[in-house]
PDB file of N, CA and C in Angstrom:
ATOM      1  N   MET A   1     104.448 168.803  94.770  1.00  0.00           N
ATOM      2  CA  MET A   1     105.541 168.746  93.738  1.00  0.00           C
ATOM      3  C   MET A   1     105.134 169.836  92.640  1.00  0.00           C
ATOM      4  N   SER A   2     105.977 170.741  92.425  1.00  0.00           N
ATOM      5  CA  SER A   2     105.832 171.878  91.508  1.00  0.00           C
ATOM      6  C   SER A   2     106.258 171.412  90.127  1.00  0.00           C
ATOM      7  N   ARG A   3     105.680 172.140  89.218  1.00  0.00           N
ATOM      8  CA  ARG A   3     106.096 171.816  87.723  1.00  0.00           C
ATOM      9  C   ARG A   3     107.488 172.105  87.395  1.00  0.00           C
ATOM     10  N   ARG A   4     108.047 173.104  88.113  1.00  0.00           N
ATOM     11  CA  ARG A   4     109.426 173.540  87.844  1.00  0.00           C
ATOM     12  C   ARG A   4     110.472 172.553  88.353  1.00  0.00           C
ATOM     13  N   GLU A   5     110.163 171.692  89.289  1.00  0.00           N
ATOM     14  CA  GLU A   5     111.113 170.661  89.679  1.00  0.00           C
ATOM     15  C   GLU A   5     111.274 169.653  88.632  1.00  0.00           C
ATOM     16  N   THR A   6     112.446 169.621  87.998  1.00  0.00           N
ATOM     17  CA  THR A   6     112.608 168.743  86.775  1.00  0.00           C
ATOM     18  C   THR A   6     113.537 167.528  86.945  1.00  0.00           C
ATOM     19  N   ASN A   7     114.184 167.449  88.119  1.00  0.00           N
ATOM     20  CA  ASN A   7     115.113 166.249  88.374  1.00  0.00           C
ATOM     21  C   ASN A   7     114.397 164.963  88.531  1.00  0.00           C
ATOM     22  N   PRO A   8     114.343 164.309  87.463  1.00  0.00           N
ATOM     23  CA  PRO A   8     113.529 162.966  87.444  1.00  0.00           C
ATOM     24  C   PRO A   8     114.082 161.923  88.554  1.00  0.00           C
ATOM     25  N   LEU A   9     115.275 161.957  88.815  1.00  0.00           N
ATOM     26  CA  LEU A   9     115.823 160.978  89.768  1.00  0.00           C
ATOM     27  C   LEU A   9     115.307 161.174  91.366  1.00  0.00           C
ATOM     28  N   SER A  10     115.244 162.590  91.565  1.00  0.00           N
ATOM     29  CA  SER A  10     114.750 162.843  92.788  1.00  0.00           C
ATOM     30  C   SER A  10     113.167 162.486  92.993  1.00  0.00           C
ATOM     31  N   VAL A  11     112.467 162.664  91.829  1.00  0.00           N
ATOM     32  CA  VAL A  11     111.055 162.280  91.812  1.00  0.00           C
ATOM     33  C   VAL A  11     110.901 160.790  92.083  1.00  0.00           C
ATOM     34  N   LEU A  12     111.812 159.983  91.309  1.00  0.00           N
ATOM     35  CA  LEU A  12     111.665 158.609  91.400  1.00  0.00           C
ATOM     36  C   LEU A  12     112.045 158.071  92.737  1.00  0.00           C
ATOM     37  N   ARG A  13     113.062 158.694  93.361  1.00  0.00           N
ATOM     38  CA  ARG A  13     113.444 158.291  94.714  1.00  0.00           C
ATOM     39  C   ARG A  13     112.329 158.611  95.805  1.00  0.00           C
ATOM     40  N   GLN A  14     111.807 159.737  95.591  1.00  0.00           N
ATOM     41  CA  GLN A  14     110.645 160.169  96.408  1.00  0.00           C
ATOM     42  C   GLN A  14     109.470 159.240  96.408  1.00  0.00           C
ATOM     43  N   ALA A  15     109.255 158.916  95.111  1.00  0.00           N
ATOM     44  CA  ALA A  15     107.987 157.948  94.805  1.00  0.00           C
ATOM     45  C   ALA A  15     108.258 156.635  95.444  1.00  0.00           C
ATOM     46  N   ILE A  16     109.377 156.071  95.221  1.00  0.00           N
ATOM     47  CA  ILE A  16     109.766 154.789  95.738  1.00  0.00           C
ATOM     48  C   ILE A  16     109.819 154.813  97.237  1.00  0.00           C
ATOM     49  N   HIS A  17     110.349 155.713  97.861  1.00  0.00           N
ATOM     50  CA  HIS A  17     110.438 155.946  99.289  1.00  0.00           C
ATOM     51  C   HIS A  17     109.044 156.091  99.783  1.00  0.00           C
ATOM     52  N   GLY A  18     108.153 156.774  99.217  1.00  0.00           N
ATOM     53  CA  GLY A  18     106.754 157.010  99.597  1.00  0.00           C
ATOM     54  C   GLY A  18     105.957 155.871  99.682  1.00  0.00           C
ATOM     55  N   VAL A  19     106.196 154.883  98.667  1.00  0.00           N
ATOM     56  CA  VAL A  19     105.401 153.619  98.438  1.00  0.00           C
ATOM     57  C   VAL A  19     105.937 152.434  99.276  1.00  0.00           C
ATOM     58  N   THR A  20     107.307 152.545  99.628  1.00  0.00           N
ATOM     59  CA  THR A  20     107.814 151.323 100.302  1.00  0.00           C
ATOM     60  C   THR A  20     107.244 151.082 101.653  1.00  0.00           C
ATOM     61  N   PRO A  21     106.629 149.754 101.778  1.00  0.00           N
ATOM     62  CA  PRO A  21     106.014 149.380 103.163  1.00  0.00           C
ATOM     63  C   PRO A  21     107.039 148.956 104.062  1.00  0.00           C
ATOM     64  N   GLY A  22     106.745 149.191 105.321  1.00  0.00           N
ATOM     65  CA  GLY A  22     107.762 148.737 106.453  1.00  0.00           C
ATOM     66  C   GLY A  22     107.201 147.319 106.943  1.00  0.00           C
ATOM     67  N   ILE A  23     105.945 146.981 106.715  1.00  0.00           N
ATOM     68  CA  ILE A  23     105.336 145.808 107.222  1.00  0.00           C
ATOM     69  C   ILE A  23     104.288 145.215 106.241  1.00  0.00           C
ATOM     70  N   ALA A  24     104.171 144.003 106.210  1.00  0.00           N
ATOM     71  CA  ALA A  24     103.383 143.354 105.274  1.00  0.00           C
ATOM     72  C   ALA A  24     102.607 142.203 106.034  1.00  0.00           C
ATOM     73  N   VAL A  25     101.511 141.642 105.260  1.00  0.00           N
ATOM     74  CA  VAL A  25     100.878 140.493 106.072  1.00  0.00           C
ATOM     75  C   VAL A  25     101.059 139.283 105.237  1.00  0.00           C
ATOM     76  N   LYS A  26     101.106 138.100 105.951  1.00  0.00           N
ATOM     77  CA  LYS A  26     101.477 136.915 105.276  1.00  0.00           C
ATOM     78  C   LYS A  26     100.339 135.864 105.789  1.00  0.00           C
ATOM     79  N   ALA A  27      99.754 135.067 104.990  1.00  0.00           N
ATOM     80  CA  ALA A  27      98.754 134.102 105.371  1.00  0.00           C
ATOM     81  C   ALA A  27      99.573 132.978 105.973  1.00  0.00           C
ATOM     82  N   ARG A  28      99.016 132.706 107.320  1.00  0.00           N
ATOM     83  CA  ARG A  28      99.599 131.563 107.950  1.00  0.00           C
ATOM     84  C   ARG A  28      98.475 130.704 108.562  1.00  0.00           C
ATOM     85  N   ARG A  29      98.500 129.402 108.234  1.00  0.00           N
ATOM     86  CA  ARG A  29      97.503 128.524 108.754  1.00  0.00           C
ATOM     87  C   ARG A  29      97.665 128.043 110.080  1.00  0.00           C
ATOM     88  N   VAL A  30      96.888 128.195 110.908  1.00  0.00           N
ATOM     89  CA  VAL A  30      96.989 127.750 112.383  1.00  0.00           C
ATOM     90  C   VAL A  30      95.549 127.069 112.846  1.00  0.00           C
ATOM     91  N   GLY A  31      95.686 125.823 113.186  1.00  0.00           N
ATOM     92  CA  GLY A  31      94.623 125.112 113.637  1.00  0.00           C
ATOM     93  C   GLY A  31      93.397 125.099 112.791  1.00  0.00           C
ATOM     94  N   GLY A  32      93.560 124.981 111.478  1.00  0.00           N
ATOM     95  CA  GLY A  32      92.349 124.763 110.663  1.00  0.00           C
ATOM     96  C   GLY A  32      91.958 126.219 110.070  1.00  0.00           C
ATOM     97  N   SER A  33      92.373 127.205 110.718  1.00  0.00           N
ATOM     98  CA  SER A  33      92.007 128.678 110.204  1.00  0.00           C
ATOM     99  C   SER A  33      93.150 129.373 109.610  1.00  0.00           C
ATOM    100  N   THR A  34      92.924 130.310 108.668  1.00  0.00           N
ATOM    101  CA  THR A  34      94.067 130.956 108.097  1.00  0.00           C
ATOM    102  C   THR A  34      94.109 132.377 108.701  1.00  0.00           C
ATOM    103  N   HIS A  35      95.166 132.888 109.099  1.00  0.00           N
ATOM    104  CA  HIS A  35      95.282 134.069 109.796  1.00  0.00           C
ATOM    105  C   HIS A  35      96.311 135.007 108.974  1.00  0.00           C
ATOM    106  N   GLN A  36      95.908 136.243 108.751  1.00  0.00           N
ATOM    107  CA  GLN A  36      96.899 137.283 108.211  1.00  0.00           C
ATOM    108  C   GLN A  36      97.813 137.742 109.204  1.00  0.00           C
ATOM    109  N   VAL A  37      99.050 137.226 109.248  1.00  0.00           N
ATOM    110  CA  VAL A  37     100.070 137.527 110.219  1.00  0.00           C
ATOM    111  C   VAL A  37     100.830 138.717 109.748  1.00  0.00           C
ATOM    112  N   PRO A  38     100.984 139.745 110.512  1.00  0.00           N
ATOM    113  CA  PRO A  38     101.822 140.864 110.114  1.00  0.00           C
ATOM    114  C   PRO A  38     103.307 140.594 110.350  1.00  0.00           C
ATOM    115  N   ILE A  39     104.168 140.864 109.211  1.00  0.00           N
ATOM    116  CA  ILE A  39     105.627 140.591 109.390  1.00  0.00           C
ATOM    117  C   ILE A  39     106.364 141.855 108.889  1.00  0.00           C
ATOM    118  N   GLU A  40     107.412 142.135 109.600  1.00  0.00           N
ATOM    119  CA  GLU A  40     108.353 143.276 109.150  1.00  0.00           C
ATOM    120  C   GLU A  40     109.078 142.747 107.884  1.00  0.00           C
ATOM    121  N   ILE A  41     109.161 143.692 106.912  1.00  0.00           N
ATOM    122  CA  ILE A  41     110.062 143.476 105.760  1.00  0.00           C
ATOM    123  C   ILE A  41     111.164 144.331 105.716  1.00  0.00           C
ATOM    124  N   GLY A  42     112.238 143.757 105.106  1.00  0.00           N
ATOM    125  CA  GLY A  42     113.541 144.563 105.055  1.00  0.00           C
ATOM    126  C   GLY A  42     113.395 145.628 103.879  1.00  0.00           C
ATOM    127  N   SER A  43     114.413 146.506 103.801  1.00  0.00           N
ATOM    128  CA  SER A  43     114.401 147.603 103.024  1.00  0.00           C
ATOM    129  C   SER A  43     114.446 147.153 101.468  1.00  0.00           C
ATOM    130  N   THR A  44     115.242 146.054 101.235  1.00  0.00           N
ATOM    131  CA  THR A  44     115.327 145.567  99.807  1.00  0.00           C
ATOM    132  C   THR A  44     114.053 144.997  99.332  1.00  0.00           C
ATOM    133  N   GLN A  45     113.374 144.031 100.193  1.00  0.00           N
ATOM    134  CA  GLN A  45     112.127 143.470  99.827  1.00  0.00           C
ATOM    135  C   GLN A  45     111.123 144.598  99.740  1.00  0.00           C
ATOM    136  N   GLY A  46     111.069 145.593 100.691  1.00  0.00           N
ATOM    137  CA  GLY A  46     110.164 146.592 100.606  1.00  0.00           C
ATOM    138  C   GLY A  46     110.317 147.479  99.278  1.00  0.00           C
ATOM    139  N   LYS A  47     111.496 147.773  99.011  1.00  0.00           N
ATOM    140  CA  LYS A  47     111.650 148.467  97.645  1.00  0.00           C
ATOM    141  C   LYS A  47     111.054 147.675  96.363  1.00  0.00           C
ATOM    142  N   ALA A  48     111.426 146.271  96.475  1.00  0.00           N
ATOM    143  CA  ALA A  48     110.903 145.601  95.387  1.00  0.00           C
ATOM    144  C   ALA A  48     109.419 145.503  95.293  1.00  0.00           C
ATOM    145  N   LEU A  49     108.752 145.526  96.413  1.00  0.00           N
ATOM    146  CA  LEU A  49     107.333 145.596  96.436  1.00  0.00           C
ATOM    147  C   LEU A  49     106.832 146.828  95.924  1.00  0.00           C
ATOM    148  N   ALA A  50     107.546 147.985  96.411  1.00  0.00           N
ATOM    149  CA  ALA A  50     107.092 149.299  96.027  1.00  0.00           C
ATOM    150  C   ALA A  50     107.111 149.466  94.471  1.00  0.00           C
ATOM    151  N   ILE A  51     108.227 149.014  93.894  1.00  0.00           N
ATOM    152  CA  ILE A  51     108.401 148.985  92.361  1.00  0.00           C
ATOM    153  C   ILE A  51     107.351 148.123  91.786  1.00  0.00           C
ATOM    154  N   ARG A  52     106.982 147.017  92.277  1.00  0.00           N
ATOM    155  CA  ARG A  52     105.998 146.263  91.749  1.00  0.00           C
ATOM    156  C   ARG A  52     104.622 146.702  91.798  1.00  0.00           C
ATOM    157  N   TRP A  53     104.279 147.453  92.874  1.00  0.00           N
ATOM    158  CA  TRP A  53     103.093 148.172  93.091  1.00  0.00           C
ATOM    159  C   TRP A  53     102.991 149.437  92.091  1.00  0.00           C
ATOM    160  N   LEU A  54     104.032 150.135  91.916  1.00  0.00           N
ATOM    161  CA  LEU A  54     104.097 151.292  91.020  1.00  0.00           C
ATOM    162  C   LEU A  54     103.767 150.849  89.607  1.00  0.00           C
ATOM    163  N   LEU A  55     104.432 149.743  89.207  1.00  0.00           N
ATOM    164  CA  LEU A  55     104.275 149.224  87.813  1.00  0.00           C
ATOM    165  C   LEU A  55     102.655 148.710  87.677  1.00  0.00           C
ATOM    166  N   ALA A  56     102.200 148.103  88.761  1.00  0.00           N
ATOM    167  CA  ALA A  56     100.875 147.590  88.605  1.00  0.00           C
ATOM    168  C   ALA A  56      99.839 148.763  88.524  1.00  0.00           C
ATOM    169  N   ALA A  57     100.069 149.737  89.360  1.00  0.00           N
ATOM    170  CA  ALA A  57      99.242 150.830  89.330  1.00  0.00           C
ATOM    171  C   ALA A  57      99.375 151.685  87.996  1.00  0.00           C
ATOM    172  N   SER A  58     100.467 151.634  87.445  1.00  0.00           N
ATOM    173  CA  SER A  58     100.655 152.267  86.051  1.00  0.00           C
ATOM    174  C   SER A  58      99.935 151.543  85.026  1.00  0.00           C
ATOM    175  N   ARG A  59      99.891 150.223  85.048  1.00  0.00           N
ATOM    176  CA  ARG A  59      99.251 149.459  84.010  1.00  0.00           C
ATOM    177  C   ARG A  59      97.808 149.706  84.138  1.00  0.00           C
ATOM    178  N   LYS A  60      97.208 149.998  85.275  1.00  0.00           N
ATOM    179  CA  LYS A  60      95.790 150.178  85.457  1.00  0.00           C
ATOM    180  C   LYS A  60      95.362 151.531  84.919  1.00  0.00           C
ATOM    181  N   ARG A  61      96.308 152.396  84.850  1.00  0.00           N
ATOM    182  CA  ARG A  61      95.871 153.830  84.405  1.00  0.00           C
ATOM    183  C   ARG A  61      95.482 153.938  82.962  1.00  0.00           C
ATOM    184  N   PRO A  62      94.476 154.787  82.693  1.00  0.00           N
ATOM    185  CA  PRO A  62      94.250 155.061  81.286  1.00  0.00           C
ATOM    186  C   PRO A  62      95.150 156.003  80.734  1.00  0.00           C
ATOM    187  N   GLY A  63      95.616 155.823  79.403  1.00  0.00           N
ATOM    188  CA  GLY A  63      96.564 156.775  78.949  1.00  0.00           C
ATOM    189  C   GLY A  63      97.138 156.249  77.578  1.00  0.00           C
ATOM    190  N   ARG A  64      97.918 156.982  77.108  1.00  0.00           N
ATOM    191  CA  ARG A  64      98.592 156.799  75.654  1.00  0.00           C
ATOM    192  C   ARG A  64      99.434 155.514  75.668  1.00  0.00           C
ATOM    193  N   ASN A  65     100.510 155.699  76.492  1.00  0.00           N
ATOM    194  CA  ASN A  65     101.458 154.543  76.467  1.00  0.00           C
ATOM    195  C   ASN A  65     102.046 154.319  77.834  1.00  0.00           C
ATOM    196  N   MET A  66     102.825 153.290  78.066  1.00  0.00           N
ATOM    197  CA  MET A  66     103.207 152.978  79.419  1.00  0.00           C
ATOM    198  C   MET A  66     104.190 153.950  79.957  1.00  0.00           C
ATOM    199  N   ALA A  67     105.075 154.563  79.192  1.00  0.00           N
ATOM    200  CA  ALA A  67     106.022 155.615  79.622  1.00  0.00           C
ATOM    201  C   ALA A  67     105.186 156.844  80.239  1.00  0.00           C
ATOM    202  N   PHE A  68     104.233 157.222  79.529  1.00  0.00           N
ATOM    203  CA  PHE A  68     103.224 158.231  80.026  1.00  0.00           C
ATOM    204  C   PHE A  68     102.595 157.920  81.364  1.00  0.00           C
ATOM    205  N   LYS A  69     102.061 156.698  81.297  1.00  0.00           N
ATOM    206  CA  LYS A  69     101.208 156.099  82.634  1.00  0.00           C
ATOM    207  C   LYS A  69     102.177 156.001  83.750  1.00  0.00           C
ATOM    208  N   LEU A  70     103.458 155.575  83.478  1.00  0.00           N
ATOM    209  CA  LEU A  70     104.337 155.371  84.612  1.00  0.00           C
ATOM    210  C   LEU A  70     104.855 156.674  85.183  1.00  0.00           C
ATOM    211  N   SER A  71     105.108 157.660  84.292  1.00  0.00           N
ATOM    212  CA  SER A  71     105.591 158.950  84.710  1.00  0.00           C
ATOM    213  C   SER A  71     104.510 159.590  85.574  1.00  0.00           C
ATOM    214  N   SER A  72     103.216 159.507  85.118  1.00  0.00           N
ATOM    215  CA  SER A  72     102.106 159.998  85.966  1.00  0.00           C
ATOM    216  C   SER A  72     102.011 159.372  87.333  1.00  0.00           C
ATOM    217  N   GLU A  73     102.130 158.109  87.300  1.00  0.00           N
ATOM    218  CA  GLU A  73     102.094 157.375  88.559  1.00  0.00           C
ATOM    219  C   GLU A  73     103.282 157.774  89.543  1.00  0.00           C
ATOM    220  N   LEU A  74     104.409 157.921  88.932  1.00  0.00           N
ATOM    221  CA  LEU A  74     105.478 158.309  89.810  1.00  0.00           C
ATOM    222  C   LEU A  74     105.340 159.600  90.406  1.00  0.00           C
ATOM    223  N   VAL A  75     104.860 160.642  89.508  1.00  0.00           N
ATOM    224  CA  VAL A  75     104.723 161.925  90.065  1.00  0.00           C
ATOM    225  C   VAL A  75     103.639 161.992  91.071  1.00  0.00           C
ATOM    226  N   ASP A  76     102.519 161.167  90.877  1.00  0.00           N
ATOM    227  CA  ASP A  76     101.537 161.139  91.806  1.00  0.00           C
ATOM    228  C   ASP A  76     101.994 160.471  93.219  1.00  0.00           C
ATOM    229  N   ALA A  77     102.835 159.517  93.073  1.00  0.00           N
ATOM    230  CA  ALA A  77     103.375 158.821  94.306  1.00  0.00           C
ATOM    231  C   ALA A  77     104.344 159.735  95.097  1.00  0.00           C
ATOM    232  N   ALA A  78     105.105 160.519  94.247  1.00  0.00           N
ATOM    233  CA  ALA A  78     105.920 161.554  94.956  1.00  0.00           C
ATOM    234  C   ALA A  78     105.097 162.653  95.699  1.00  0.00           C
ATOM    235  N   LYS A  79     103.892 162.858  95.115  1.00  0.00           N
ATOM    236  CA  LYS A  79     103.111 163.966  95.821  1.00  0.00           C
ATOM    237  C   LYS A  79     102.354 163.290  96.996  1.00  0.00           C
ATOM    238  N   GLY A  80     102.288 162.026  97.068  1.00  0.00           N
ATOM    239  CA  GLY A  80     101.565 161.227  98.207  1.00  0.00           C
ATOM    240  C   GLY A  80     100.252 160.811  97.786  1.00  0.00           C
ATOM    241  N   SER A  81      99.871 160.677  96.507  1.00  0.00           N
ATOM    242  CA  SER A  81      98.552 160.196  96.067  1.00  0.00           C
ATOM    243  C   SER A  81      98.889 159.151  95.110  1.00  0.00           C
ATOM    244  N   GLY A  82      97.789 158.590  94.567  1.00  0.00           N
ATOM    245  CA  GLY A  82      97.859 157.561  93.468  1.00  0.00           C
ATOM    246  C   GLY A  82      97.499 156.032  94.011  1.00  0.00           C
ATOM    247  N   ASP A  83      97.426 155.169  93.152  1.00  0.00           N
ATOM    248  CA  ASP A  83      96.814 153.763  93.468  1.00  0.00           C
ATOM    249  C   ASP A  83      98.020 153.068  94.292  1.00  0.00           C
ATOM    250  N   ALA A  84      99.386 153.400  94.092  1.00  0.00           N
ATOM    251  CA  ALA A  84     100.364 152.629  94.775  1.00  0.00           C
ATOM    252  C   ALA A  84     100.399 153.103  96.257  1.00  0.00           C
ATOM    253  N   ILE A  85     100.264 154.248  96.407  1.00  0.00           N
ATOM    254  CA  ILE A  85     100.140 154.878  97.858  1.00  0.00           C
ATOM    255  C   ILE A  85      99.011 154.224  98.713  1.00  0.00           C
ATOM    256  N   ARG A  86      97.880 154.182  97.746  1.00  0.00           N
ATOM    257  CA  ARG A  86      96.600 153.514  98.454  1.00  0.00           C
ATOM    258  C   ARG A  86      96.903 152.179  98.807  1.00  0.00           C
ATOM    259  N   LYS A  87      97.653 151.351  97.972  1.00  0.00           N
ATOM    260  CA  LYS A  87      97.999 149.944  98.299  1.00  0.00           C
ATOM    261  C   LYS A  87      98.895 149.840  99.516  1.00  0.00           C
ATOM    262  N   ARG A  88      99.867 150.798  99.536  1.00  0.00           N
ATOM    263  CA  ARG A  88     100.668 150.776 100.811  1.00  0.00           C
ATOM    264  C   ARG A  88      99.844 151.042 102.075  1.00  0.00           C
ATOM    265  N   GLU A  89      98.967 152.033 102.018  1.00  0.00           N
ATOM    266  CA  GLU A  89      98.132 152.376 103.236  1.00  0.00           C
ATOM    267  C   GLU A  89      97.241 151.107 103.519  1.00  0.00           C
ATOM    268  N   GLU A  90      96.679 150.429 102.472  1.00  0.00           N
ATOM    269  CA  GLU A  90      95.894 149.396 102.637  1.00  0.00           C
ATOM    270  C   GLU A  90      96.604 148.259 103.494  1.00  0.00           C
ATOM    271  N   THR A  91      97.875 147.945 102.942  1.00  0.00           N
ATOM    272  CA  THR A  91      98.706 146.974 103.547  1.00  0.00           C
ATOM    273  C   THR A  91      99.008 147.252 104.990  1.00  0.00           C
ATOM    274  N   HIS A  92      99.336 148.479 105.299  1.00  0.00           N
ATOM    275  CA  HIS A  92      99.615 148.986 106.696  1.00  0.00           C
ATOM    276  C   HIS A  92      98.300 148.716 107.511  1.00  0.00           C
ATOM    277  N   ARG A  93      97.092 149.194 107.071  1.00  0.00           N
ATOM    278  CA  ARG A  93      95.935 148.962 107.721  1.00  0.00           C
ATOM    279  C   ARG A  93      95.593 147.502 108.074  1.00  0.00           C
ATOM    280  N   MET A  94      95.712 146.648 107.077  1.00  0.00           N
ATOM    281  CA  MET A  94      95.636 145.240 107.218  1.00  0.00           C
ATOM    282  C   MET A  94      96.607 144.697 108.317  1.00  0.00           C
ATOM    283  N   ALA A  95      97.775 145.222 108.383  1.00  0.00           N
ATOM    284  CA  ALA A  95      98.747 144.618 109.359  1.00  0.00           C
ATOM    285  C   ALA A  95      98.269 145.211 110.703  1.00  0.00           C
ATOM    286  N   GLU A  96      97.812 146.314 110.830  1.00  0.00           N
ATOM    287  CA  GLU A  96      97.354 146.978 112.023  1.00  0.00           C
ATOM    288  C   GLU A  96      96.202 146.157 112.642  1.00  0.00           C
ATOM    289  N   ALA A  97      95.209 145.841 111.799  1.00  0.00           N
ATOM    290  CA  ALA A  97      93.992 145.251 112.026  1.00  0.00           C
ATOM    291  C   ALA A  97      94.513 143.856 112.667  1.00  0.00           C
ATOM    292  N   ASN A  98      95.405 143.136 112.144  1.00  0.00           N
ATOM    293  CA  ASN A  98      95.674 141.878 112.417  1.00  0.00           C
ATOM    294  C   ASN A  98      96.871 141.653 113.405  1.00  0.00           C
ATOM    295  N   ARG A  99      97.162 142.767 114.148  1.00  0.00           N
ATOM    296  CA  ARG A  99      98.206 142.869 115.150  1.00  0.00           C
ATOM    297  C   ARG A  99      98.197 141.791 116.200  1.00  0.00           C
ATOM    298  N   ALA A 100      96.866 141.272 116.455  1.00  0.00           N
ATOM    299  CA  ALA A 100      96.800 140.279 117.420  1.00  0.00           C
ATOM    300  C   ALA A 100      97.443 138.951 117.102  1.00  0.00           C
ATOM    301  N   PHE A 101      97.537 138.796 115.835  1.00  0.00           N
ATOM    302  CA  PHE A 101      98.163 137.416 115.323  1.00  0.00           C
ATOM    303  C   PHE A 101      99.672 137.432 115.147  1.00  0.00           C
ATOM    304  N   ALA A 102     100.288 138.572 115.581  1.00  0.00           N
ATOM    305  CA  ALA A 102     101.756 138.783 115.456  1.00  0.00           C
ATOM    306  C   ALA A 102     102.559 137.685 116.009  1.00  0.00           C
ATOM    307  N   HIS A 103     102.059 137.054 117.104  1.00  0.00           N
ATOM    308  CA  HIS A 103     102.918 136.081 117.789  1.00  0.00           C
ATOM    309  C   HIS A 103     102.937 134.827 117.085  1.00  0.00           C
ATOM    310  N   PHE A 104     102.163 134.657 115.942  1.00  0.00           N
ATOM    311  CA  PHE A 104     102.275 133.479 115.190  1.00  0.00           C
ATOM    312  C   PHE A 104     103.435 133.483 114.116  1.00  0.00           C
ATOM    313  N   ARG A 105     104.151 134.475 114.090  1.00  0.00           N
ATOM    314  CA  ARG A 105     105.419 134.559 113.234  1.00  0.00           C
ATOM    315  C   ARG A 105     106.245 133.238 113.144  1.00  0.00           C
TER     316      ARG A 105
END
């Protein structure tokens, strides 16, 4: 992302699109043990999760105020880095690791 791109809406769209997960894990209890079962999530739920993760990552950042922290996180997410992107990758890794339990849906 270059400094000269100034359209904030495109940065916001890019950030949300980059953070939106396609799959998540849900704890399901089967025979006394709890399994993390991967489930597909729809676009609306995915976007809601993405916005929640962006806000949580912004709150964790050091900085002056929330507006500054959120804008920094959005720019980072649009570039493909930042805590929110890390959270998405972690979720996808978790779903991939627990793929064997997908039949418990």
